[in-house]
PDB file of N, CA and C in Angstrom:
ATOM      1  N   MET A   1     -24.690 -39.700  -7.792  1.00  0.00           N
ATOM      2  CA  MET A   1     -23.574 -38.800  -7.982  1.00  0.00           C
ATOM      3  C   MET A   1     -24.053 -37.357  -7.870  1.00  0.00           C
ATOM      4  N   ILE A   2     -23.279 -36.540  -7.200  1.00  0.00           N
ATOM      5  CA  ILE A   2     -23.619 -35.129  -7.039  1.00  0.00           C
ATOM      6  C   ILE A   2     -23.077 -34.355  -8.236  1.00  0.00           C
ATOM      7  N   THR A   3     -23.935 -33.552  -8.837  1.00  0.00           N
ATOM      8  CA  THR A   3     -23.475 -32.727  -9.947  1.00  0.00           C
ATOM      9  C   THR A   3     -22.959 -31.405  -9.396  1.00  0.00           C
ATOM     10  N   TYR A   4     -22.028 -30.845 -10.090  1.00  0.00           N
ATOM     11  CA  TYR A   4     -21.371 -29.621  -9.665  1.00  0.00           C
ATOM     12  C   TYR A   4     -21.384 -28.665 -10.837  1.00  0.00           C
ATOM     13  N   ARG A   5     -21.890 -27.476 -10.605  1.00  0.00           N
ATOM     14  CA  ARG A   5     -21.994 -26.512 -11.703  1.00  0.00           C
ATOM     15  C   ARG A   5     -20.625 -26.212 -12.299  1.00  0.00           C
ATOM     16  N   GLN A   6     -20.550 -26.295 -13.605  1.00  0.00           N
ATOM     17  CA  GLN A   6     -19.288 -26.077 -14.309  1.00  0.00           C
ATOM     18  C   GLN A   6     -18.744 -24.666 -14.057  1.00  0.00           C
ATOM     19  N   ASP A   7     -19.609 -23.671 -14.010  1.00  0.00           N
ATOM     20  CA  ASP A   7     -19.162 -22.298 -13.754  1.00  0.00           C
ATOM     21  C   ASP A   7     -18.528 -22.168 -12.376  1.00  0.00           C
ATOM     22  N   ASP A   8     -19.084 -22.851 -11.390  1.00  0.00           N
ATOM     23  CA  ASP A   8     -18.513 -22.815 -10.042  1.00  0.00           C
ATOM     24  C   ASP A   8     -17.125 -23.451 -10.026  1.00  0.00           C
ATOM     25  N   LEU A   9     -16.993 -24.562 -10.707  1.00  0.00           N
ATOM     26  CA  LEU A   9     -15.695 -25.232 -10.781  1.00  0.00           C
ATOM     27  C   LEU A   9     -14.654 -24.320 -11.423  1.00  0.00           C
ATOM     28  N   TRP A  10     -15.000 -23.696 -12.530  1.00  0.00           N
ATOM     29  CA  TRP A  10     -14.046 -22.821 -13.212  1.00  0.00           C
ATOM     30  C   TRP A  10     -13.713 -21.596 -12.363  1.00  0.00           C
ATOM     31  N   ASP A  11     -14.672 -21.076 -11.614  1.00  0.00           N
ATOM     32  CA  ASP A  11     -14.377 -19.957 -10.706  1.00  0.00           C
ATOM     33  C   ASP A  11     -13.350 -20.365  -9.660  1.00  0.00           C
ATOM     34  N   GLU A  12     -13.532 -21.551  -9.082  1.00  0.00           N
ATOM     35  CA  GLU A  12     -12.579 -22.053  -8.078  1.00  0.00           C
ATOM     36  C   GLU A  12     -11.203 -22.259  -8.699  1.00  0.00           C
ATOM     37  N   LEU A  13     -11.170 -22.871  -9.872  1.00  0.00           N
ATOM     38  CA  LEU A  13      -9.906 -23.134 -10.538  1.00  0.00           C
ATOM     39  C   LEU A  13      -9.179 -21.837 -10.879  1.00  0.00           C
ATOM     40  N   ALA A  14      -9.895 -20.873 -11.395  1.00  0.00           N
ATOM     41  CA  ALA A  14      -9.277 -19.593 -11.758  1.00  0.00           C
ATOM     42  C   ALA A  14      -8.742 -18.874 -10.524  1.00  0.00           C
ATOM     43  N   TYR A  15      -9.500 -18.885  -9.457  1.00  0.00           N
ATOM     44  CA  TYR A  15      -9.097 -18.229  -8.212  1.00  0.00           C
ATOM     45  C   TYR A  15      -7.812 -18.845  -7.671  1.00  0.00           C
ATOM     46  N   LEU A  16      -7.774 -20.163  -7.597  1.00  0.00           N
ATOM     47  CA  LEU A  16      -6.590 -20.839  -7.063  1.00  0.00           C
ATOM     48  C   LEU A  16      -5.402 -20.718  -8.010  1.00  0.00           C
ATOM     49  N   ALA A  17      -5.632 -20.827  -9.298  1.00  0.00           N
ATOM     50  CA  ALA A  17      -4.543 -20.698 -10.262  1.00  0.00           C
ATOM     51  C   ALA A  17      -3.926 -19.303 -10.176  1.00  0.00           C
ATOM     52  N   TYR A  18      -4.756 -18.294 -10.044  1.00  0.00           N
ATOM     53  CA  TYR A  18      -4.275 -16.920  -9.958  1.00  0.00           C
ATOM     54  C   TYR A  18      -3.420 -16.705  -8.709  1.00  0.00           C
ATOM     55  N   HIS A  19      -3.882 -17.184  -7.587  1.00  0.00           N
ATOM     56  CA  HIS A  19      -3.195 -16.935  -6.323  1.00  0.00           C
ATOM     57  C   HIS A  19      -2.054 -17.899  -6.030  1.00  0.00           C
ATOM     58  N   LEU A  20      -2.171 -19.140  -6.474  1.00  0.00           N
ATOM     59  CA  LEU A  20      -1.166 -20.145  -6.143  1.00  0.00           C
ATOM     60  C   LEU A  20      -0.212 -20.447  -7.295  1.00  0.00           C
ATOM     61  N   HIS A  21      -0.577 -20.006  -8.494  1.00  0.00           N
ATOM     62  CA  HIS A  21       0.235 -20.251  -9.690  1.00  0.00           C
ATOM     63  C   HIS A  21       0.421 -21.748  -9.952  1.00  0.00           C
ATOM     64  N   TRP A  22      -0.633 -22.503  -9.672  1.00  0.00           N
ATOM     65  CA  TRP A  22      -0.634 -23.938  -9.968  1.00  0.00           C
ATOM     66  C   TRP A  22      -1.211 -24.136 -11.357  1.00  0.00           C
ATOM     67  N   ASP A  23      -0.785 -25.206 -12.020  1.00  0.00           N
ATOM     68  CA  ASP A  23      -1.359 -25.469 -13.336  1.00  0.00           C
ATOM     69  C   ASP A  23      -2.680 -26.221 -13.201  1.00  0.00           C
ATOM     70  N   LEU A  24      -3.379 -26.312 -14.301  1.00  0.00           N
ATOM     71  CA  LEU A  24      -4.722 -26.888 -14.307  1.00  0.00           C
ATOM     72  C   LEU A  24      -4.725 -28.341 -13.821  1.00  0.00           C
ATOM     73  N   ASP A  25      -3.743 -29.119 -14.244  1.00  0.00           N
ATOM     74  CA  ASP A  25      -3.708 -30.523 -13.823  1.00  0.00           C
ATOM     75  C   ASP A  25      -3.582 -30.651 -12.305  1.00  0.00           C
ATOM     76  N   GLN A  26      -2.750 -29.827 -11.697  1.00  0.00           N
ATOM     77  CA  GLN A  26      -2.605 -29.869 -10.236  1.00  0.00           C
ATOM     78  C   GLN A  26      -3.928 -29.542  -9.554  1.00  0.00           C
ATOM     79  N   LEU A  27      -4.605 -28.541 -10.057  1.00  0.00           N
ATOM     80  CA  LEU A  27      -5.873 -28.124  -9.451  1.00  0.00           C
ATOM     81  C   LEU A  27      -6.965 -29.168  -9.657  1.00  0.00           C
ATOM     82  N   LEU A  28      -6.994 -29.771 -10.835  1.00  0.00           N
ATOM     83  CA  LEU A  28      -8.006 -30.792 -11.102  1.00  0.00           C
ATOM     84  C   LEU A  28      -7.746 -32.074 -10.312  1.00  0.00           C
ATOM     85  N   ASP A  29      -6.504 -32.294  -9.907  1.00  0.00           N
ATOM     86  CA  ASP A  29      -6.188 -33.467  -9.091  1.00  0.00           C
ATOM     87  C   ASP A  29      -6.745 -33.349  -7.677  1.00  0.00           C
ATOM     88  N   LEU A  30      -7.050 -32.139  -7.243  1.00  0.00           N
ATOM     89  CA  LEU A  30      -7.638 -31.952  -5.919  1.00  0.00           C
ATOM     90  C   LEU A  30      -9.086 -32.433  -5.930  1.00  0.00           C
ATOM     91  N   GLY A  31      -9.483 -33.079  -4.869  1.00  0.00           N
ATOM     92  CA  GLY A  31     -10.886 -33.427  -4.722  1.00  0.00           C
ATOM     93  C   GLY A  31     -11.694 -32.169  -4.430  1.00  0.00           C
ATOM     94  N   HIS A  32     -12.987 -32.265  -4.589  1.00  0.00           N
ATOM     95  CA  HIS A  32     -13.860 -31.106  -4.380  1.00  0.00           C
ATOM     96  C   HIS A  32     -13.671 -30.494  -2.991  1.00  0.00           C
ATOM     97  N   ARG A  33     -13.703 -31.315  -1.966  1.00  0.00           N
ATOM     98  CA  ARG A  33     -13.567 -30.785  -0.598  1.00  0.00           C
ATOM     99  C   ARG A  33     -12.213 -30.130  -0.383  1.00  0.00           C
ATOM    100  N   ASP A  34     -11.161 -30.730  -0.912  1.00  0.00           N
ATOM    101  CA  ASP A  34      -9.833 -30.140  -0.767  1.00  0.00           C
ATOM    102  C   ASP A  34      -9.740 -28.815  -1.513  1.00  0.00           C
ATOM    103  N   ARG A  35     -10.332 -28.765  -2.690  1.00  0.00           N
ATOM    104  CA  ARG A  35     -10.299 -27.533  -3.484  1.00  0.00           C
ATOM    105  C   ARG A  35     -11.051 -26.417  -2.767  1.00  0.00           C
ATOM    106  N   ILE A  36     -12.219 -26.729  -2.224  1.00  0.00           N
ATOM    107  CA  ILE A  36     -12.990 -25.724  -1.489  1.00  0.00           C
ATOM    108  C   ILE A  36     -12.207 -25.261  -0.259  1.00  0.00           C
ATOM    109  N   ARG A  37     -11.592 -26.199   0.430  1.00  0.00           N
ATOM    110  CA  ARG A  37     -10.794 -25.837   1.606  1.00  0.00           C
ATOM    111  C   ARG A  37      -9.655 -24.890   1.218  1.00  0.00           C
ATOM    112  N   MET A  38      -9.014 -25.156   0.082  1.00  0.00           N
ATOM    113  CA  MET A  38      -7.946 -24.274  -0.399  1.00  0.00           C
ATOM    114  C   MET A  38      -8.486 -22.892  -0.757  1.00  0.00           C
ATOM    115  N   VAL A  39      -9.660 -22.843  -1.366  1.00  0.00           N
ATOM    116  CA  VAL A  39     -10.269 -21.548  -1.705  1.00  0.00           C
ATOM    117  C   VAL A  39     -10.459 -20.718  -0.436  1.00  0.00           C
ATOM    118  N   TYR A  40     -11.013 -21.338   0.606  1.00  0.00           N
ATOM    119  CA  TYR A  40     -11.230 -20.609   1.856  1.00  0.00           C
ATOM    120  C   TYR A  40      -9.916 -20.220   2.527  1.00  0.00           C
ATOM    121  N   ALA A  41      -8.919 -21.086   2.460  1.00  0.00           N
ATOM    122  CA  ALA A  41      -7.624 -20.769   3.063  1.00  0.00           C
ATOM    123  C   ALA A  41      -6.965 -19.592   2.354  1.00  0.00           C
ATOM    124  N   VAL A  42      -7.000 -19.587   1.032  1.00  0.00           N
ATOM    125  CA  VAL A  42      -6.407 -18.479   0.268  1.00  0.00           C
ATOM    126  C   VAL A  42      -7.186 -17.195   0.522  1.00  0.00           C
ATOM    127  N   ALA A  43      -8.503 -17.281   0.576  1.00  0.00           N
ATOM    128  CA  ALA A  43      -9.322 -16.095   0.853  1.00  0.00           C
ATOM    129  C   ALA A  43      -8.987 -15.522   2.231  1.00  0.00           C
ATOM    130  N   ASP A  44      -8.781 -16.395   3.211  1.00  0.00           N
ATOM    131  CA  ASP A  44      -8.417 -15.942   4.551  1.00  0.00           C
ATOM    132  C   ASP A  44      -7.056 -15.254   4.542  1.00  0.00           C
ATOM    133  N   LEU A  45      -6.091 -15.834   3.850  1.00  0.00           N
ATOM    134  CA  LEU A  45      -4.771 -15.206   3.749  1.00  0.00           C
ATOM    135  C   LEU A  45      -4.863 -13.840   3.084  1.00  0.00           C
ATOM    136  N   ASN A  46      -5.662 -13.738   2.031  1.00  0.00           N
ATOM    137  CA  ASN A  46      -5.846 -12.451   1.348  1.00  0.00           C
ATOM    138  C   ASN A  46      -6.473 -11.420   2.270  1.00  0.00           C
ATOM    139  N   GLU A  47      -7.475 -11.830   3.018  1.00  0.00           N
ATOM    140  CA  GLU A  47      -8.152 -10.902   3.936  1.00  0.00           C
ATOM    141  C   GLU A  47      -7.178 -10.399   5.000  1.00  0.00           C
ATOM    142  N   ARG A  48      -6.384 -11.297   5.562  1.00  0.00           N
ATOM    143  CA  ARG A  48      -5.413 -10.880   6.580  1.00  0.00           C
ATOM    144  C   ARG A  48      -4.367  -9.939   5.997  1.00  0.00           C
ATOM    145  N   ALA A  49      -3.946 -10.182   4.760  1.00  0.00           N
ATOM    146  CA  ALA A  49      -2.977  -9.297   4.123  1.00  0.00           C
ATOM    147  C   ALA A  49      -3.570  -7.910   3.906  1.00  0.00           C
ATOM    148  N   TRP A  50      -4.837  -7.848   3.487  1.00  0.00           N
ATOM    149  CA  TRP A  50      -5.490  -6.554   3.291  1.00  0.00           C
ATOM    150  C   TRP A  50      -5.670  -5.824   4.624  1.00  0.00           C
ATOM    151  N   GLU A  51      -5.972  -6.560   5.694  1.00  0.00           N
ATOM    152  CA  GLU A  51      -6.114  -5.941   7.008  1.00  0.00           C
ATOM    153  C   GLU A  51      -4.795  -5.314   7.443  1.00  0.00           C
ATOM    154  N   ARG A  52      -3.685  -6.015   7.235  1.00  0.00           N
ATOM    155  CA  ARG A  52      -2.373  -5.459   7.594  1.00  0.00           C
ATOM    156  C   ARG A  52      -2.031  -4.260   6.730  1.00  0.00           C
ATOM    157  N   ALA A  53      -2.403  -4.298   5.455  1.00  0.00           N
ATOM    158  CA  ALA A  53      -2.109  -3.192   4.561  1.00  0.00           C
ATOM    159  C   ALA A  53      -2.909  -1.945   4.942  1.00  0.00           C
ATOM    160  N   ARG A  54      -4.105  -2.134   5.468  1.00  0.00           N
ATOM    161  CA  ARG A  54      -4.951  -0.992   5.865  1.00  0.00           C
ATOM    162  C   ARG A  54      -4.504  -0.369   7.172  1.00  0.00           C
ATOM    163  N   ALA A  55      -3.766  -1.119   7.983  1.00  0.00           N
ATOM    164  CA  ALA A  55      -3.369  -0.631   9.330  1.00  0.00           C
ATOM    165  C   ALA A  55      -2.255   0.375   9.247  1.00  0.00           C
TER     166      ALA A  55
END
């Protein structure tokens, strides 16, 4: 079994909860790969929004 640092998990959960307004149970239901994919997708959306705001 692969161990996953608890601090990393909480960082991911906090980031997604803040941006998506999902509750903890919804976020914990995501598998690790799905959660990471969501983190990158939200980060990409944020970056594109900041790029448009700067233009």
